[in-house]
Amino acid sequence: MKLSRRKFLHLAAGAAALPAASRVARAQTYPARPVRLIVPIAPGGASDILGRLIGQWLSERLGQPFIIDNRPGAGGNIGTETVVRAPPDGYTLLMVGTFSAINATLYDKLNFNFIRDTAPVAGVLRGPYVAVVNPSVPAKSVTEFIAYAKANPRKLNMASAGTGTGGHIAGELFKMMAGVDLIHVPYRGGGPAFNDLIAGQVQVMFATTVGSIGYIRAGRLRALAVTTATRSDALPDIPTVGEFVLDYEASNWFGVCAPKATPAEIVEKLNKEINAGLADPKIKTRLADVGGTALSGSPADFGRLIAEETEKWSKVVKFAGIKAE
């Protein structure tokens, strides 16, 4: 039987429309089951706090649980590789941050390439680190701290959430530019590091405002300075490091990624819902309260930020000769 030209063209057009219809249907039905949001850092740190904030929002908006799955270790690389190897179906997501960009240079042999093997979904927050000390440290300012550290070389311990994390590199940059010798003590996340800092086992930490601001306000830690070029609205009375150490500047950022081949329509749906959360008055207030600025934008916008930060921090890691431990 011969098909008429008109019928043939009609059938061909229908067949061509099937993939598009399938993509629309997939986006409409996603998520059909719980989603894992892997946080590659221990509970209690900024990644964990922000992951739970965004996860709760997405659960409420999309009608399925977004389960926080902490996978700490190797500066975030264990959790990152878990996501890279996961099926690219939107049901395994990753909280990423400054540490993700740093690790691309810090570790010589990784089983993945962060930029090549992940799909940017959405930025969440950008903000300063804050140099905090245990109250037993006599220094009340950056100038006093530098003098105290120089008078006690290699006697002060500098905690971090792990080798290669943003706070670690911000601290190394400070050591280099201020000419002080602090002993780096890496932990498996911000939570354990804060515990020992508050207990006086370590003396100083370049911490995210997200993780530290509650301790600062409660008087359990003393803030010396923030690391951004301008003061933080959440800590307006705290100076910047750059007011004492010329040209010093560092900031942190966080967001969500997925495995590389995750369908674009699912990435776009998640991006839309996360941006809606960042515009929600309650979440905006929460982010501002912890000293951060919402990083709303498209997946492409977030991808550009990741690329720029990876290049920036690679120069610091190489110049300072920092090695993964």
Protein backbone atom coordinates (compact mmCIF):
# COMPACT_ATOMS: atom_id res chain seq x y z
CA MET A 1 0.00 0.00 0.00
CA LYS A 2 1.34 3.41 -0.96
CA LEU A 3 1.09 6.35 1.41
CA SER A 4 -0.04 9.68 0.05
CA ARG A 5 2.53 12.45 0.33
CA ARG A 6 0.29 14.34 2.79
CA LYS A 7 -0.15 11.31 5.06
CA PHE A 8 3.57 10.52 4.93
CA LEU A 9 4.47 14.05 5.99
CA HIS A 10 1.86 13.91 8.77
CA LEU A 11 3.31 10.66 10.13
CA ALA A 12 6.86 11.98 9.88
CA ALA A 13 5.94 15.15 11.76
CA GLY A 14 4.29 13.07 14.46
CA ALA A 15 7.36 10.87 14.85
CA ALA A 16 9.61 13.92 15.11
CA ALA A 17 7.42 15.36 17.85
CA LEU A 18 7.67 12.23 20.03
CA PRO A 19 11.08 13.04 21.63
CA ALA A 20 9.94 16.56 22.51
CA ALA A 21 6.67 15.25 23.93
CA SER A 22 8.62 12.67 25.92
CA ARG A 23 10.88 15.38 27.37
CA VAL A 24 7.91 17.51 28.38
CA ALA A 25 6.21 14.53 30.00
CA ARG A 26 9.41 13.61 31.86
CA ALA A 27 9.73 17.13 33.26
CA GLN A 28 6.07 17.21 34.26
CA THR A 29 6.23 13.94 36.18
CA TYR A 30 9.62 14.61 37.83
CA PRO A 31 10.17 13.84 40.64
CA ALA A 32 8.14 10.66 40.91
CA ARG A 33 10.11 9.32 43.90
CA PRO A 34 12.45 10.65 46.63
CA VAL A 35 15.58 12.52 45.53
CA ARG A 36 18.99 12.28 47.22
CA LEU A 37 20.85 15.55 47.75
CA ILE A 38 24.39 14.50 48.60
CA VAL A 39 26.35 16.85 50.85
CA PRO A 40 30.03 15.86 50.54
CA ILE A 41 30.90 17.50 53.87
CA ALA A 42 30.11 16.40 57.46
CA PRO A 43 26.92 17.64 59.17
CA GLY A 44 27.04 21.07 60.78
CA GLY A 45 28.97 22.92 58.09
CA ALA A 46 27.70 25.49 55.59
CA SER A 47 27.07 22.94 52.82
CA ASP A 48 24.94 20.88 55.18
CA ILE A 49 22.97 23.86 56.50
CA LEU A 50 22.26 25.21 53.01
CA GLY A 51 21.53 21.75 51.63
CA ARG A 52 18.86 21.20 54.27
CA LEU A 53 17.37 24.64 53.62
CA ILE A 54 17.11 24.05 49.87
CA GLY A 55 16.12 20.40 50.29
CA GLN A 56 13.16 21.34 52.50
CA TRP A 57 12.04 23.99 50.01
CA LEU A 58 12.20 21.54 47.07
CA SER A 59 10.36 18.88 49.07
CA GLU A 60 7.51 21.30 49.74
CA ARG A 61 7.40 22.60 46.17
CA LEU A 62 7.76 19.33 44.28
CA GLY A 63 5.90 16.93 46.55
CA GLN A 64 8.69 14.38 47.05
CA PRO A 65 11.28 14.12 49.85
CA PHE A 66 14.69 15.59 49.04
CA ILE A 67 16.80 13.51 51.40
CA ILE A 68 20.10 14.94 52.67
CA ASP A 69 22.83 12.30 52.39
CA ASN A 70 26.12 13.36 54.04
CA ARG A 71 29.13 11.71 52.36
CA PRO A 72 32.20 13.43 53.86
CA GLY A 73 35.80 12.60 53.09
CA ALA A 74 38.75 13.65 50.90
CA GLY A 75 37.76 17.30 50.95
CA GLY A 76 34.40 16.57 49.36
CA ASN A 77 35.69 14.25 46.64
CA ILE A 78 34.05 11.06 47.98
CA GLY A 79 30.57 12.55 47.82
CA THR A 80 31.29 14.22 44.48
CA GLU A 81 32.39 10.95 42.88
CA THR A 82 29.24 9.26 44.20
CA VAL A 83 27.14 11.76 42.25
CA VAL A 84 29.33 11.66 39.14
CA ARG A 85 28.83 7.87 38.99
CA ALA A 86 25.09 8.02 39.70
CA PRO A 87 22.45 7.59 36.96
CA PRO A 88 21.83 10.99 35.30
CA ASP A 89 18.11 10.96 35.98
CA GLY A 90 17.69 13.84 38.43
CA TYR A 91 17.35 11.61 41.48
CA THR A 92 20.90 12.18 42.75
CA LEU A 93 22.06 15.77 43.22
CA LEU A 94 25.17 17.34 44.76
CA MET A 95 25.80 20.34 46.98
CA VAL A 96 28.93 22.01 45.63
CA GLY A 97 31.00 24.94 46.80
CA THR A 98 34.34 26.69 46.69
CA PHE A 99 35.99 23.42 47.76
CA SER A 100 34.80 21.81 44.52
CA ALA A 101 36.69 24.35 42.40
CA ILE A 102 39.80 24.12 44.60
CA ASN A 103 39.92 20.32 44.49
CA ALA A 104 40.21 20.38 40.70
CA THR A 105 43.79 21.65 41.14
CA LEU A 106 44.65 20.44 44.63
CA TYR A 107 44.32 16.74 43.85
CA ASP A 108 46.61 15.39 41.13
CA LYS A 109 44.69 12.17 40.56
CA LEU A 110 40.91 12.25 40.72
CA ASN A 111 38.61 9.67 39.16
CA PHE A 112 36.51 12.47 37.70
CA ASN A 113 36.77 15.95 36.23
CA PHE A 114 34.48 18.25 38.20
CA ILE A 115 33.63 20.63 35.35
CA ARG A 116 33.39 17.94 32.66
CA ASP A 117 31.43 15.38 34.71
CA THR A 118 28.79 17.54 36.42
CA ALA A 119 25.91 19.65 35.19
CA PRO A 120 25.43 23.02 36.95
CA VAL A 121 21.87 23.34 38.22
CA ALA A 122 21.71 26.52 40.29
CA GLY A 123 23.77 28.76 42.54
CA VAL A 124 22.49 29.21 46.09
CA LEU A 125 24.67 31.62 48.06
CA ARG A 126 27.85 33.68 48.01
CA GLY A 127 29.39 35.24 51.11
CA PRO A 128 32.52 35.93 53.14
CA TYR A 129 34.61 33.78 55.38
CA VAL A 130 35.19 35.19 58.84
CA ALA A 131 38.39 34.85 60.83
CA VAL A 132 37.25 33.58 64.23
CA VAL A 133 39.28 32.71 67.30
CA ASN A 134 38.65 30.94 70.56
CA PRO A 135 37.96 33.57 73.28
CA SER A 136 41.10 32.43 75.13
CA VAL A 137 43.23 33.95 72.35
CA PRO A 138 44.25 37.41 73.65
CA ALA A 139 44.10 39.14 70.24
CA LYS A 140 41.08 41.41 69.72
CA SER A 141 41.96 42.55 66.18
CA VAL A 142 43.76 41.32 63.07
CA THR A 143 46.75 43.50 63.93
CA GLU A 144 46.96 42.03 67.42
CA PHE A 145 46.51 38.51 66.05
CA ILE A 146 49.34 38.92 63.56
CA ALA A 147 51.62 40.22 66.32
CA TYR A 148 50.60 37.36 68.63
CA ALA A 149 51.17 34.76 65.90
CA LYS A 150 54.60 36.18 65.06
CA ALA A 151 55.55 36.08 68.73
CA ASN A 152 54.40 32.45 68.91
CA PRO A 153 55.44 30.84 65.59
CA ARG A 154 53.95 27.37 64.97
CA LYS A 155 52.19 27.44 68.33
CA LEU A 156 48.75 28.40 66.97
CA ASN A 157 46.57 25.81 65.26
CA MET A 158 44.37 26.82 62.32
CA ALA A 159 41.34 24.58 61.89
CA SER A 160 39.56 23.96 58.61
CA ALA A 161 36.71 21.81 57.35
CA GLY A 162 39.31 19.83 55.41
CA THR A 163 42.40 20.18 53.25
CA GLY A 164 41.52 22.16 50.15
CA THR A 165 38.27 23.59 51.47
CA GLY A 166 37.66 27.28 50.88
CA GLY A 167 38.36 28.16 54.49
CA HIS A 168 41.69 26.32 54.35
CA ILE A 169 42.82 28.17 51.23
CA ALA A 170 41.59 31.50 52.62
CA GLY A 171 43.70 30.79 55.72
CA GLU A 172 46.74 29.86 53.64
CA LEU A 173 46.36 33.09 51.68
CA PHE A 174 46.27 34.98 54.98
CA LYS A 175 49.37 33.18 56.26
CA MET A 176 51.22 34.04 53.08
CA MET A 177 50.18 37.69 52.92
CA ALA A 178 50.47 38.41 56.67
CA GLY A 179 53.73 36.51 57.10
CA VAL A 180 52.56 34.29 59.95
CA ASP A 181 53.22 30.60 60.60
CA LEU A 182 50.10 28.73 61.71
CA ILE A 183 49.75 24.94 61.86
CA HIS A 184 46.90 23.73 59.67
CA VAL A 185 44.62 21.14 61.31
CA PRO A 186 42.11 19.69 58.81
CA TYR A 187 38.83 18.11 59.92
CA ARG A 188 36.17 16.07 58.13
CA GLY A 189 33.81 19.01 57.99
CA GLY A 190 32.92 22.32 59.60
CA GLY A 191 30.95 20.78 62.47
CA PRO A 192 33.88 18.84 64.00
CA ALA A 193 36.20 21.81 63.43
CA PHE A 194 33.86 24.16 65.29
CA ASN A 195 33.61 21.70 68.19
CA ASP A 196 37.38 21.73 68.72
CA LEU A 197 37.68 25.47 68.14
CA ILE A 198 35.06 26.16 70.82
CA ALA A 199 36.80 23.67 73.14
CA GLY A 200 40.13 25.45 72.64
CA GLN A 201 41.89 22.51 70.96
CA VAL A 202 42.59 24.82 67.99
CA GLN A 203 42.83 28.60 68.11
CA VAL A 204 41.71 30.12 64.80
CA MET A 205 39.59 29.26 61.79
CA PHE A 206 38.56 30.95 58.55
CA ALA A 207 34.95 29.88 58.69
CA THR A 208 31.85 30.52 56.62
CA THR A 209 29.44 33.02 58.14
CA VAL A 210 26.72 30.38 57.63
CA GLY A 211 28.41 28.02 60.06
CA SER A 212 29.93 30.52 62.50
CA ILE A 213 27.57 33.44 62.94
CA GLY A 214 25.49 31.72 65.64
CA TYR A 215 28.61 31.04 67.71
CA ILE A 216 29.79 34.63 67.20
CA ARG A 217 26.50 36.11 68.36
CA ALA A 218 26.44 33.77 71.36
CA GLY A 219 29.96 34.87 72.36
CA ARG A 220 31.40 31.38 71.98
CA LEU A 221 33.78 32.57 69.24
CA ARG A 222 35.36 35.98 68.63
CA ALA A 223 35.23 37.39 65.10
CA LEU A 224 38.31 39.33 64.03
CA ALA A 225 37.48 40.14 60.42
CA VAL A 226 35.56 39.09 57.31
CA THR A 227 37.46 38.14 54.18
CA THR A 228 35.48 39.96 51.49
CA ALA A 229 36.48 43.37 50.09
CA THR A 230 33.58 45.05 51.91
CA ARG A 231 32.04 44.50 55.33
CA SER A 232 29.19 42.05 55.82
CA ASP A 233 25.69 43.42 56.45
CA ALA A 234 25.20 40.56 58.92
CA LEU A 235 28.32 41.60 60.89
CA PRO A 236 28.54 45.34 60.22
CA ASP A 237 30.87 46.07 63.14
CA ILE A 238 33.46 43.50 62.04
CA PRO A 239 36.20 44.93 59.77
CA THR A 240 37.59 43.28 56.66
CA VAL A 241 40.96 41.53 56.62
CA GLY A 242 41.89 43.89 53.79
CA GLU A 243 41.73 46.85 56.19
CA PHE A 244 44.86 45.41 57.82
CA VAL A 245 46.41 43.20 55.12
CA LEU A 246 46.48 45.15 51.85
CA ASP A 247 44.66 43.53 48.89
CA TYR A 248 43.53 40.44 50.81
CA GLU A 249 40.15 39.13 49.59
CA ALA A 250 38.38 35.75 49.57
CA SER A 251 34.76 34.63 49.39
CA ASN A 252 32.79 31.40 49.34
CA TRP A 253 29.89 30.16 47.24
CA PHE A 254 27.54 27.20 47.19
CA GLY A 255 25.13 25.63 44.73
CA VAL A 256 23.64 22.46 43.31
CA CYS A 257 24.95 20.23 40.50
CA ALA A 258 23.81 16.96 38.92
CA PRO A 259 25.52 14.21 36.92
CA LYS A 260 26.59 15.50 33.51
CA ALA A 261 23.98 13.87 31.27
CA THR A 262 20.97 14.77 33.42
CA PRO A 263 18.16 15.82 31.05
CA ALA A 264 18.09 19.57 30.42
CA GLU A 265 14.37 19.81 31.20
CA ILE A 266 14.95 18.37 34.69
CA VAL A 267 17.90 20.72 35.29
CA GLU A 268 15.75 23.65 34.19
CA LYS A 269 12.88 22.60 36.45
CA LEU A 270 15.18 22.36 39.46
CA ASN A 271 16.80 25.68 38.57
CA LYS A 272 13.40 27.36 38.39
CA GLU A 273 12.30 25.98 41.76
CA ILE A 274 15.60 26.83 43.51
CA ASN A 275 15.45 30.39 42.15
CA ALA A 276 11.89 30.64 43.42
CA GLY A 277 13.18 29.61 46.84
CA LEU A 278 15.94 32.22 46.76
CA ALA A 279 13.28 34.85 46.04
CA ASP A 280 11.06 33.69 48.90
CA PRO A 281 11.08 36.29 51.71
CA LYS A 282 11.73 33.73 54.45
CA ILE A 283 14.72 32.16 52.67
CA LYS A 284 16.06 35.59 51.63
CA THR A 285 15.93 36.69 55.26
CA ARG A 286 17.64 33.47 56.37
CA LEU A 287 20.46 33.89 53.85
CA ALA A 288 20.96 37.55 54.76
CA ASP A 289 20.95 36.65 58.45
CA VAL A 290 23.94 34.35 57.92
CA GLY A 291 25.81 36.92 55.88
CA GLY A 292 25.18 35.56 52.40
CA THR A 293 23.83 36.89 49.11
CA ALA A 294 21.53 34.76 46.97
CA LEU A 295 23.17 33.43 43.79
CA SER A 296 20.08 33.27 41.60
CA GLY A 297 20.54 32.78 37.86
CA SER A 298 20.50 30.21 35.07
CA PRO A 299 22.45 26.94 34.96
CA ALA A 300 24.76 28.62 32.44
CA ASP A 301 25.37 31.51 34.87
CA PHE A 302 26.35 29.07 37.60
CA GLY A 303 28.56 27.15 35.17
CA ARG A 304 30.48 30.33 34.35
CA LEU A 305 31.00 31.05 38.05
CA ILE A 306 32.36 27.54 38.60
CA ALA A 307 34.80 27.92 35.68
CA GLU A 308 36.01 31.33 36.88
CA GLU A 309 36.48 30.16 40.46
CA THR A 310 38.31 27.01 39.36
CA GLU A 311 40.81 29.15 37.44
CA LYS A 312 41.20 31.68 40.27
CA TRP A 313 41.86 29.18 43.05
CA SER A 314 44.16 27.05 40.89
CA LYS A 315 46.57 29.98 40.84
CA VAL A 316 46.48 30.29 44.66
CA VAL A 317 46.99 26.53 45.20
CA LYS A 318 49.94 26.44 42.79
CA PHE A 319 51.55 29.63 44.09
CA ALA A 320 51.27 28.55 47.73
CA GLY A 321 52.45 25.02 46.93
CA ILE A 322 49.50 23.47 48.78
CA LYS A 323 49.28 19.67 48.58
CA ALA A 324 46.45 17.31 49.44
CA GLU A 325 47.15 15.45 52.67
